[in-house]
PDB file of N, CA and C in Angstrom:
ATOM      1  N   MET A   1       4.792 -31.541  -6.736  1.00  0.00           N
ATOM      2  CA  MET A   1       3.564 -31.197  -6.053  1.00  0.00           C
ATOM      3  C   MET A   1       2.456 -31.033  -7.083  1.00  0.00           C
ATOM      4  N   ALA A   2       1.703 -32.065  -7.259  1.00  0.00           N
ATOM      5  CA  ALA A   2       0.632 -32.015  -8.242  1.00  0.00           C
ATOM      6  C   ALA A   2      -0.516 -31.124  -7.777  1.00  0.00           C
ATOM      7  N   ASN A   3      -0.811 -31.130  -6.475  1.00  0.00           N
ATOM      8  CA  ASN A   3      -1.903 -30.332  -5.925  1.00  0.00           C
ATOM      9  C   ASN A   3      -1.299 -29.154  -5.171  1.00  0.00           C
ATOM     10  N   LEU A   4      -1.249 -27.992  -5.806  1.00  0.00           N
ATOM     11  CA  LEU A   4      -0.600 -26.821  -5.215  1.00  0.00           C
ATOM     12  C   LEU A   4      -1.577 -26.084  -4.297  1.00  0.00           C
ATOM     13  N   THR A   5      -1.439 -26.300  -3.008  1.00  0.00           N
ATOM     14  CA  THR A   5      -2.218 -25.589  -2.007  1.00  0.00           C
ATOM     15  C   THR A   5      -1.224 -24.970  -1.043  1.00  0.00           C
ATOM     16  N   PHE A   6      -1.139 -23.624  -1.039  1.00  0.00           N
ATOM     17  CA  PHE A   6      -0.130 -22.956  -0.233  1.00  0.00           C
ATOM     18  C   PHE A   6      -0.279 -23.238   1.253  1.00  0.00           C
ATOM     19  N   ASP A   7      -1.502 -23.466   1.715  1.00  0.00           N
ATOM     20  CA  ASP A   7      -1.705 -23.753   3.130  1.00  0.00           C
ATOM     21  C   ASP A   7      -0.975 -25.021   3.563  1.00  0.00           C
ATOM     22  N   LYS A   8      -0.743 -25.924   2.647  1.00  0.00           N
ATOM     23  CA  LYS A   8      -0.057 -27.175   2.984  1.00  0.00           C
ATOM     24  C   LYS A   8       1.428 -26.959   3.269  1.00  0.00           C
ATOM     25  N   PHE A   9       1.985 -25.833   2.833  1.00  0.00           N
ATOM     26  CA  PHE A   9       3.406 -25.578   3.054  1.00  0.00           C
ATOM     27  C   PHE A   9       3.722 -25.349   4.523  1.00  0.00           C
ATOM     28  N   GLY A  10       2.800 -24.790   5.278  1.00  0.00           N
ATOM     29  CA  GLY A  10       3.042 -24.519   6.695  1.00  0.00           C
ATOM     30  C   GLY A  10       3.287 -23.054   6.937  1.00  0.00           C
ATOM     31  N   GLY A  11       4.301 -22.750   7.733  1.00  0.00           N
ATOM     32  CA  GLY A  11       4.628 -21.375   8.101  1.00  0.00           C
ATOM     33  C   GLY A  11       5.290 -20.607   6.980  1.00  0.00           C
ATOM     34  N   TRP A  12       5.710 -19.385   7.306  1.00  0.00           N
ATOM     35  CA  TRP A  12       6.286 -18.482   6.306  1.00  0.00           C
ATOM     36  C   TRP A  12       7.497 -19.085   5.618  1.00  0.00           C
ATOM     37  N   GLN A  13       8.474 -19.567   6.383  1.00  0.00           N
ATOM     38  CA  GLN A  13       9.699 -20.097   5.767  1.00  0.00           C
ATOM     39  C   GLN A  13       9.407 -21.357   4.953  1.00  0.00           C
ATOM     40  N   GLU A  14       8.522 -22.194   5.442  1.00  0.00           N
ATOM     41  CA  GLU A  14       8.153 -23.393   4.688  1.00  0.00           C
ATOM     42  C   GLU A  14       7.490 -23.017   3.366  1.00  0.00           C
ATOM     43  N   THR A  15       6.683 -21.957   3.390  1.00  0.00           N
ATOM     44  CA  THR A  15       6.035 -21.497   2.161  1.00  0.00           C
ATOM     45  C   THR A  15       7.080 -21.010   1.165  1.00  0.00           C
ATOM     46  N   ILE A  16       8.036 -20.207   1.630  1.00  0.00           N
ATOM     47  CA  ILE A  16       9.103 -19.708   0.745  1.00  0.00           C
ATOM     48  C   ILE A  16       9.896 -20.877   0.171  1.00  0.00           C
ATOM     49  N   ASP A  17      10.255 -21.822   1.019  1.00  0.00           N
ATOM     50  CA  ASP A  17      11.010 -22.996   0.552  1.00  0.00           C
ATOM     51  C   ASP A  17      10.209 -23.785  -0.474  1.00  0.00           C
ATOM     52  N   GLY A  18       8.907 -23.971  -0.222  1.00  0.00           N
ATOM     53  CA  GLY A  18       8.047 -24.704  -1.149  1.00  0.00           C
ATOM     54  C   GLY A  18       7.925 -24.008  -2.488  1.00  0.00           C
ATOM     55  N   LEU A  19       7.813 -22.690  -2.460  1.00  0.00           N
ATOM     56  CA  LEU A  19       7.725 -21.932  -3.709  1.00  0.00           C
ATOM     57  C   LEU A  19       9.034 -22.003  -4.488  1.00  0.00           C
ATOM     58  N   GLU A  20      10.156 -21.895  -3.785  1.00  0.00           N
ATOM     59  CA  GLU A  20      11.456 -21.997  -4.457  1.00  0.00           C
ATOM     60  C   GLU A  20      11.621 -23.359  -5.115  1.00  0.00           C
ATOM     61  N   GLU A  21      11.158 -24.406  -4.419  1.00  0.00           N
ATOM     62  CA  GLU A  21      11.210 -25.764  -4.961  1.00  0.00           C
ATOM     63  C   GLU A  21      10.436 -25.854  -6.278  1.00  0.00           C
ATOM     64  N   LEU A  22       9.357 -25.069  -6.377  1.00  0.00           N
ATOM     65  CA  LEU A  22       8.549 -25.036  -7.596  1.00  0.00           C
ATOM     66  C   LEU A  22       9.045 -23.995  -8.597  1.00  0.00           C
ATOM     67  N   LYS A  23      10.181 -23.360  -8.274  1.00  0.00           N
ATOM     68  CA  LYS A  23      10.772 -22.313  -9.117  1.00  0.00           C
ATOM     69  C   LYS A  23       9.834 -21.114  -9.275  1.00  0.00           C
ATOM     70  N   ILE A  24       9.117 -20.785  -8.175  1.00  0.00           N
ATOM     71  CA  ILE A  24       8.240 -19.617  -8.131  1.00  0.00           C
ATOM     72  C   ILE A  24       8.885 -18.579  -7.226  1.00  0.00           C
ATOM     73  N   SER A  25       9.090 -17.378  -7.765  1.00  0.00           N
ATOM     74  CA  SER A  25       9.667 -16.286  -6.973  1.00  0.00           C
ATOM     75  C   SER A  25       8.548 -15.340  -6.543  1.00  0.00           C
ATOM     76  N   PRO A  26       8.266 -15.273  -5.241  1.00  0.00           N
ATOM     77  CA  PRO A  26       7.218 -14.351  -4.781  1.00  0.00           C
ATOM     78  C   PRO A  26       7.602 -12.902  -5.077  1.00  0.00           C
ATOM     79  N   ALA A  27       6.607 -12.089  -5.333  1.00  0.00           N
ATOM     80  CA  ALA A  27       6.847 -10.666  -5.566  1.00  0.00           C
ATOM     81  C   ALA A  27       7.344 -10.020  -4.281  1.00  0.00           C
ATOM     82  N   LYS A  28       8.275  -9.088  -4.412  1.00  0.00           N
ATOM     83  CA  LYS A  28       8.735  -8.334  -3.252  1.00  0.00           C
ATOM     84  C   LYS A  28       7.729  -7.230  -2.972  1.00  0.00           C
ATOM     85  N   LYS A  29       7.578  -6.898  -1.719  1.00  0.00           N
ATOM     86  CA  LYS A  29       6.714  -5.788  -1.361  1.00  0.00           C
ATOM     87  C   LYS A  29       7.375  -4.991  -0.257  1.00  0.00           C
ATOM     88  N   ALA A  30       7.010  -3.721  -0.199  1.00  0.00           N
ATOM     89  CA  ALA A  30       7.560  -2.832   0.823  1.00  0.00           C
ATOM     90  C   ALA A  30       6.533  -1.746   1.116  1.00  0.00           C
ATOM     91  N   LEU A  31       6.464  -1.338   2.356  1.00  0.00           N
ATOM     92  CA  LEU A  31       5.551  -0.271   2.754  1.00  0.00           C
ATOM     93  C   LEU A  31       6.130   1.071   2.320  1.00  0.00           C
ATOM     94  N   VAL A  32       5.371   1.785   1.505  1.00  0.00           N
ATOM     95  CA  VAL A  32       5.794   3.092   1.016  1.00  0.00           C
ATOM     96  C   VAL A  32       5.112   4.199   1.806  1.00  0.00           C
ATOM     97  N   MET A  33       3.824   3.982   2.127  1.00  0.00           N
ATOM     98  CA  MET A  33       3.055   4.994   2.843  1.00  0.00           C
ATOM     99  C   MET A  33       1.926   4.294   3.589  1.00  0.00           C
ATOM    100  N   ASP A  34       1.659   4.734   4.804  1.00  0.00           N
ATOM    101  CA  ASP A  34       0.528   4.227   5.582  1.00  0.00           C
ATOM    102  C   ASP A  34      -0.441   5.387   5.747  1.00  0.00           C
ATOM    103  N   THR A  35      -1.597   5.313   5.076  1.00  0.00           N
ATOM    104  CA  THR A  35      -2.537   6.428   5.139  1.00  0.00           C
ATOM    105  C   THR A  35      -3.083   6.634   6.543  1.00  0.00           C
ATOM    106  N   GLY A  36      -2.969   5.632   7.398  1.00  0.00           N
ATOM    107  CA  GLY A  36      -3.382   5.783   8.789  1.00  0.00           C
ATOM    108  C   GLY A  36      -2.477   6.723   9.567  1.00  0.00           C
ATOM    109  N   ASP A  37      -1.268   6.965   9.039  1.00  0.00           N
ATOM    110  CA  ASP A  37      -0.320   7.873   9.695  1.00  0.00           C
ATOM    111  C   ASP A  37      -0.507   9.323   9.267  1.00  0.00           C
ATOM    112  N   ILE A  38      -1.340   9.565   8.251  1.00  0.00           N
ATOM    113  CA  ILE A  38      -1.538  10.918   7.745  1.00  0.00           C
ATOM    114  C   ILE A  38      -2.401  11.701   8.721  1.00  0.00           C
ATOM    115  N   ARG A  39      -1.985  12.891   9.074  1.00  0.00           N
ATOM    116  CA  ARG A  39      -2.731  13.753   9.997  1.00  0.00           C
ATOM    117  C   ARG A  39      -3.052  15.069   9.309  1.00  0.00           C
ATOM    118  N   ASP A  40      -3.905  15.860   9.921  1.00  0.00           N
ATOM    119  CA  ASP A  40      -4.342  17.137   9.338  1.00  0.00           C
ATOM    120  C   ASP A  40      -3.178  18.025   8.934  1.00  0.00           C
ATOM    121  N   SER A  41      -2.057  17.940   9.656  1.00  0.00           N
ATOM    122  CA  SER A  41      -0.928  18.803   9.320  1.00  0.00           C
ATOM    123  C   SER A  41      -0.313  18.417   7.975  1.00  0.00           C
ATOM    124  N   THR A  42      -0.524  17.170   7.544  1.00  0.00           N
ATOM    125  CA  THR A  42       0.034  16.713   6.273  1.00  0.00           C
ATOM    126  C   THR A  42      -0.897  17.045   5.108  1.00  0.00           C
ATOM    127  N   ILE A  43      -2.185  16.744   5.277  1.00  0.00           N
ATOM    128  CA  ILE A  43      -3.174  17.034   4.242  1.00  0.00           C
ATOM    129  C   ILE A  43      -4.296  17.808   4.898  1.00  0.00           C
ATOM    130  N   GLU A  44      -4.562  18.980   4.399  1.00  0.00           N
ATOM    131  CA  GLU A  44      -5.604  19.824   4.979  1.00  0.00           C
ATOM    132  C   GLU A  44      -6.939  19.087   5.015  1.00  0.00           C
ATOM    133  N   GLY A  45      -7.514  18.969   6.199  1.00  0.00           N
ATOM    134  CA  GLY A  45      -8.817  18.359   6.360  1.00  0.00           C
ATOM    135  C   GLY A  45      -8.821  16.848   6.490  1.00  0.00           C
ATOM    136  N   TRP A  46      -7.675  16.194   6.382  1.00  0.00           N
ATOM    137  CA  TRP A  46      -7.621  14.736   6.474  1.00  0.00           C
ATOM    138  C   TRP A  46      -7.666  14.339   7.945  1.00  0.00           C
ATOM    139  N   THR A  47      -8.463  13.337   8.273  1.00  0.00           N
ATOM    140  CA  THR A  47      -8.508  12.829   9.645  1.00  0.00           C
ATOM    141  C   THR A  47      -8.265  11.331   9.641  1.00  0.00           C
ATOM    142  N   GLU A  48      -8.045  10.773  10.815  1.00  0.00           N
ATOM    143  CA  GLU A  48      -7.783   9.346  10.932  1.00  0.00           C
ATOM    144  C   GLU A  48      -8.960   8.528  10.398  1.00  0.00           C
ATOM    145  N   ALA A  49     -10.166   9.101  10.428  1.00  0.00           N
ATOM    146  CA  ALA A  49     -11.362   8.373   9.996  1.00  0.00           C
ATOM    147  C   ALA A  49     -11.476   8.304   8.480  1.00  0.00           C
ATOM    148  N   ASP A  50     -10.750   9.141   7.748  1.00  0.00           N
ATOM    149  CA  ASP A  50     -10.846   9.143   6.292  1.00  0.00           C
ATOM    150  C   ASP A  50     -10.281   7.855   5.710  1.00  0.00           C
ATOM    151  N   LYS A  51     -10.813   7.494   4.578  1.00  0.00           N
ATOM    152  CA  LYS A  51     -10.318   6.313   3.877  1.00  0.00           C
ATOM    153  C   LYS A  51     -10.144   6.676   2.410  1.00  0.00           C
ATOM    154  N   GLN A  52      -9.068   6.244   1.840  1.00  0.00           N
ATOM    155  CA  GLN A  52      -8.850   6.531   0.429  1.00  0.00           C
ATOM    156  C   GLN A  52      -9.657   5.565  -0.412  1.00  0.00           C
ATOM    157  N   GLU A  53     -10.200   6.066  -1.493  1.00  0.00           N
ATOM    158  CA  GLU A  53     -10.938   5.234  -2.440  1.00  0.00           C
ATOM    159  C   GLU A  53     -10.066   4.900  -3.638  1.00  0.00           C
ATOM    160  N   GLY A  54      -9.002   5.647  -3.807  1.00  0.00           N
ATOM    161  CA  GLY A  54      -8.083   5.400  -4.907  1.00  0.00           C
ATOM    162  C   GLY A  54      -6.733   6.005  -4.599  1.00  0.00           C
ATOM    163  N   VAL A  55      -5.695   5.375  -5.116  1.00  0.00           N
ATOM    164  CA  VAL A  55      -4.324   5.862  -4.944  1.00  0.00           C
ATOM    165  C   VAL A  55      -3.651   5.807  -6.306  1.00  0.00           C
ATOM    166  N   VAL A  56      -3.018   6.910  -6.697  1.00  0.00           N
ATOM    167  CA  VAL A  56      -2.313   6.979  -7.976  1.00  0.00           C
ATOM    168  C   VAL A  56      -0.911   7.502  -7.720  1.00  0.00           C
ATOM    169  N   LEU A  57       0.079   6.823  -8.259  1.00  0.00           N
ATOM    170  CA  LEU A  57       1.459   7.284  -8.176  1.00  0.00           C
ATOM    171  C   LEU A  57       1.680   8.284  -9.309  1.00  0.00           C
ATOM    172  N   LEU A  58       1.854   9.562  -8.959  1.00  0.00           N
ATOM    173  CA  LEU A  58       2.037  10.606  -9.975  1.00  0.00           C
ATOM    174  C   LEU A  58       3.467  10.646 -10.483  1.00  0.00           C
ATOM    175  N   ASN A  59       4.406  10.425  -9.588  1.00  0.00           N
ATOM    176  CA  ASN A  59       5.814  10.267  -9.922  1.00  0.00           C
ATOM    177  C   ASN A  59       6.423   9.479  -8.764  1.00  0.00           C
ATOM    178  N   PRO A  60       7.680   9.098  -8.815  1.00  0.00           N
ATOM    179  CA  PRO A  60       8.227   8.244  -7.756  1.00  0.00           C
ATOM    180  C   PRO A  60       8.146   8.824  -6.337  1.00  0.00           C
ATOM    181  N   CYS A  61       7.859  10.118  -6.218  1.00  0.00           N
ATOM    182  CA  CYS A  61       7.852  10.747  -4.899  1.00  0.00           C
ATOM    183  C   CYS A  61       6.514  11.358  -4.500  1.00  0.00           C
ATOM    184  N   VAL A  62       5.509  11.269  -5.361  1.00  0.00           N
ATOM    185  CA  VAL A  62       4.235  11.941  -5.101  1.00  0.00           C
ATOM    186  C   VAL A  62       3.073  11.003  -5.452  1.00  0.00           C
ATOM    187  N   VAL A  63       2.073  10.920  -4.547  1.00  0.00           N
ATOM    188  CA  VAL A  63       0.864  10.152  -4.818  1.00  0.00           C
ATOM    189  C   VAL A  63      -0.356  11.062  -4.695  1.00  0.00           C
ATOM    190  N   ALA A  64      -1.409  10.678  -5.384  1.00  0.00           N
ATOM    191  CA  ALA A  64      -2.703  11.350  -5.250  1.00  0.00           C
ATOM    192  C   ALA A  64      -3.646  10.366  -4.571  1.00  0.00           C
ATOM    193  N   LEU A  65      -4.380  10.848  -3.562  1.00  0.00           N
ATOM    194  CA  LEU A  65      -5.363  10.039  -2.843  1.00  0.00           C
ATOM    195  C   LEU A  65      -6.751  10.572  -3.149  1.00  0.00           C
ATOM    196  N   GLY A  66      -7.634   9.700  -3.591  1.00  0.00           N
ATOM    197  CA  GLY A  66      -9.018  10.088  -3.817  1.00  0.00           C
ATOM    198  C   GLY A  66      -9.862   9.630  -2.643  1.00  0.00           C
ATOM    199  N   ASN A  67     -10.714  10.516  -2.144  1.00  0.00           N
ATOM    200  CA  ASN A  67     -11.573  10.208  -1.009  1.00  0.00           C
ATOM    201  C   ASN A  67     -12.977  10.683  -1.356  1.00  0.00           C
ATOM    202  N   ASP A  68     -13.935   9.737  -1.392  1.00  0.00           N
ATOM    203  CA  ASP A  68     -15.297  10.152  -1.730  1.00  0.00           C
ATOM    204  C   ASP A  68     -16.055  10.572  -0.470  1.00  0.00           C
ATOM    205  N   ASN A  69     -17.237  11.091  -0.672  1.00  0.00           N
ATOM    206  CA  ASN A  69     -18.018  11.588   0.470  1.00  0.00           C
ATOM    207  C   ASN A  69     -19.147  10.631   0.838  1.00  0.00           C
ATOM    208  N   ASP A  70     -19.036   9.355   0.435  1.00  0.00           N
ATOM    209  CA  ASP A  70     -20.057   8.360   0.739  1.00  0.00           C
ATOM    210  C   ASP A  70     -21.448   8.849   0.358  1.00  0.00           C
ATOM    211  N   PHE A  71     -21.552   9.474  -0.801  1.00  0.00           N
ATOM    212  CA  PHE A  71     -22.824   9.964  -1.339  1.00  0.00           C
ATOM    213  C   PHE A  71     -23.490  10.983  -0.413  1.00  0.00           C
ATOM    214  N   GLY A  72     -22.685  11.709   0.339  1.00  0.00           N
ATOM    215  CA  GLY A  72     -23.216  12.749   1.207  1.00  0.00           C
ATOM    216  C   GLY A  72     -23.877  12.224   2.468  1.00  0.00           C
ATOM    217  N   LEU A  73     -23.729  10.939   2.750  1.00  0.00           N
ATOM    218  CA  LEU A  73     -24.334  10.362   3.945  1.00  0.00           C
ATOM    219  C   LEU A  73     -23.668  10.895   5.209  1.00  0.00           C
ATOM    220  N   GLU A  74     -24.424  10.986   6.270  1.00  0.00           N
ATOM    221  CA  GLU A  74     -23.929  11.372   7.592  1.00  0.00           C
ATOM    222  C   GLU A  74     -23.158  12.686   7.568  1.00  0.00           C
ATOM    223  N   GLY A  75     -23.606  13.619   6.750  1.00  0.00           N
ATOM    224  CA  GLY A  75     -23.003  14.948   6.744  1.00  0.00           C
ATOM    225  C   GLY A  75     -21.596  15.012   6.190  1.00  0.00           C
ATOM    226  N   GLN A  76     -21.202  14.038   5.368  1.00  0.00           N
ATOM    227  CA  GLN A  76     -19.867  14.053   4.780  1.00  0.00           C
ATOM    228  C   GLN A  76     -19.729  15.264   3.854  1.00  0.00           C
ATOM    229  N   GLY A  77     -18.562  15.854   3.844  1.00  0.00           N
ATOM    230  CA  GLY A  77     -18.297  16.982   2.958  1.00  0.00           C
ATOM    231  C   GLY A  77     -18.112  16.516   1.528  1.00  0.00           C
ATOM    232  N   ALA A  78     -17.542  17.374   0.717  1.00  0.00           N
ATOM    233  CA  ALA A  78     -17.324  17.066  -0.694  1.00  0.00           C
ATOM    234  C   ALA A  78     -16.244  16.009  -0.862  1.00  0.00           C
ATOM    235  N   SER A  79     -16.300  15.300  -1.971  1.00  0.00           N
ATOM    236  CA  SER A  79     -15.231  14.364  -2.313  1.00  0.00           C
ATOM    237  C   SER A  79     -13.945  15.164  -2.503  1.00  0.00           C
ATOM    238  N   ARG A  80     -12.795  14.520  -2.253  1.00  0.00           N
ATOM    239  CA  ARG A  80     -11.518  15.229  -2.335  1.00  0.00           C
ATOM    240  C   ARG A  80     -10.482  14.437  -3.119  1.00  0.00           C
ATOM    241  N   LEU A  81      -9.565  15.157  -3.681  1.00  0.00           N
ATOM    242  CA  LEU A  81      -8.356  14.588  -4.250  1.00  0.00           C
ATOM    243  C   LEU A  81      -7.211  15.286  -3.540  1.00  0.00           C
ATOM    244  N   SER A  82      -6.377  14.512  -2.849  1.00  0.00           N
ATOM    245  CA  SER A  82      -5.265  15.086  -2.088  1.00  0.00           C
ATOM    246  C   SER A  82      -3.949  14.613  -2.680  1.00  0.00           C
ATOM    247  N   ILE A  83      -3.000  15.511  -2.760  1.00  0.00           N
ATOM    248  CA  ILE A  83      -1.666  15.196  -3.275  1.00  0.00           C
ATOM    249  C   ILE A  83      -0.719  15.081  -2.081  1.00  0.00           C
ATOM    250  N   VAL A  84       0.045  13.974  -2.017  1.00  0.00           N
ATOM    251  CA  VAL A  84       0.920  13.704  -0.880  1.00  0.00           C
ATOM    252  C   VAL A  84       2.350  13.513  -1.367  1.00  0.00           C
ATOM    253  N   GLN A  85       3.267  14.258  -0.771  1.00  0.00           N
ATOM    254  CA  GLN A  85       4.699  14.070  -1.006  1.00  0.00           C
ATOM    255  C   GLN A  85       5.151  12.939  -0.085  1.00  0.00           C
ATOM    256  N   LEU A  86       5.698  11.870  -0.653  1.00  0.00           N
ATOM    257  CA  LEU A  86       6.150  10.744   0.149  1.00  0.00           C
ATOM    258  C   LEU A  86       7.395  11.110   0.947  1.00  0.00           C
ATOM    259  N   GLU A  87       7.509  10.538   2.137  1.00  0.00           N
ATOM    260  CA  GLU A  87       8.713  10.777   2.943  1.00  0.00           C
ATOM    261  C   GLU A  87       9.933  10.172   2.272  1.00  0.00           C
ATOM    262  N   LYS A  88       9.745   9.042   1.594  1.00  0.00           N
ATOM    263  CA  LYS A  88      10.826   8.377   0.874  1.00  0.00           C
ATOM    264  C   LYS A  88      10.281   7.938  -0.477  1.00  0.00           C
ATOM    265  N   CYS A  89      10.971   8.281  -1.553  1.00  0.00           N
ATOM    266  CA  CYS A  89      10.504   7.975  -2.897  1.00  0.00           C
ATOM    267  C   CYS A  89      10.440   6.463  -3.134  1.00  0.00           C
ATOM    268  N   VAL A  90       9.513   6.045  -3.982  1.00  0.00           N
ATOM    269  CA  VAL A  90       9.297   4.634  -4.274  1.00  0.00           C
ATOM    270  C   VAL A  90      10.578   3.975  -4.783  1.00  0.00           C
ATOM    271  N   ASP A  91      11.324   4.651  -5.635  1.00  0.00           N
ATOM    272  CA  ASP A  91      12.574   4.092  -6.163  1.00  0.00           C
ATOM    273  C   ASP A  91      13.550   3.762  -5.037  1.00  0.00           C
ATOM    274  N   ASP A  92      13.636   4.653  -4.049  1.00  0.00           N
ATOM    275  CA  ASP A  92      14.540   4.422  -2.920  1.00  0.00           C
ATOM    276  C   ASP A  92      14.062   3.267  -2.045  1.00  0.00           C
ATOM    277  N   VAL A  93      12.741   3.188  -1.817  1.00  0.00           N
ATOM    278  CA  VAL A  93      12.183   2.082  -1.033  1.00  0.00           C
ATOM    279  C   VAL A  93      12.464   0.765  -1.749  1.00  0.00           C
ATOM    280  N   TYR A  94      12.285   0.754  -3.066  1.00  0.00           N
ATOM    281  CA  TYR A  94      12.545  -0.461  -3.851  1.00  0.00           C
ATOM    282  C   TYR A  94      14.010  -0.852  -3.779  1.00  0.00           C
ATOM    283  N   ALA A  95      14.915   0.106  -3.944  1.00  0.00           N
ATOM    284  CA  ALA A  95      16.347  -0.180  -3.867  1.00  0.00           C
ATOM    285  C   ALA A  95      16.714  -0.736  -2.495  1.00  0.00           C
ATOM    286  N   ASP A  96      16.136  -0.179  -1.443  1.00  0.00           N
ATOM    287  CA  ASP A  96      16.402  -0.668  -0.089  1.00  0.00           C
ATOM    288  C   ASP A  96      15.909  -2.106   0.072  1.00  0.00           C
ATOM    289  N   SER A  97      14.767  -2.440  -0.560  1.00  0.00           N
ATOM    290  CA  SER A  97      14.214  -3.782  -0.421  1.00  0.00           C
ATOM    291  C   SER A  97      15.091  -4.821  -1.123  1.00  0.00           C
ATOM    292  N   LEU A  98      15.793  -4.411  -2.170  1.00  0.00           N
ATOM    293  CA  LEU A  98      16.691  -5.328  -2.872  1.00  0.00           C
ATOM    294  C   LEU A  98      17.957  -5.614  -2.073  1.00  0.00           C
ATOM    295  N   ALA A  99      18.328  -4.643  -1.243  1.00  0.00           N
ATOM    296  CA  ALA A  99      19.545  -4.777  -0.449  1.00  0.00           C
ATOM    297  C   ALA A  99      19.383  -5.762   0.706  1.00  0.00           C
ATOM    298  N   VAL A 100      18.146  -6.079   1.033  1.00  0.00           N
ATOM    299  CA  VAL A 100      17.894  -6.979   2.187  1.00  0.00           C
ATOM    300  C   VAL A 100      18.128  -8.409   1.816  1.00  0.00           C
TER     301      VAL A 100
END
C-alpha cells in the first residue's frame, strides 16, 4: 500500500486487518474514568456541567482534575483542583484489557 489512507480500509475489522498487513499494531485503549459520571457526592461541588481542563495520574489509583473558572465569566466560582480515587486502578484496567 503505497498510499496509506485509513479511510480506504473500510470498517473497523477491515482497518485492523489492513494495519496488521502493514505490521502496524494499534495502541490498546480502555476507559478508566468517565468524568460525566462524577456527581457531587464524589467530588464536593462538581456538577454534570463541569469540564476538566487537565487530568494528571498521581498514582495508578488516583487522578487530579483541574477545572478553571472560565475567567470568572457567567458567575463561575474559583478554579479548582479535585483529587479522585478511581473505582478500578489503571494497572488493573490495563491487565484486563490484555486478557481480552
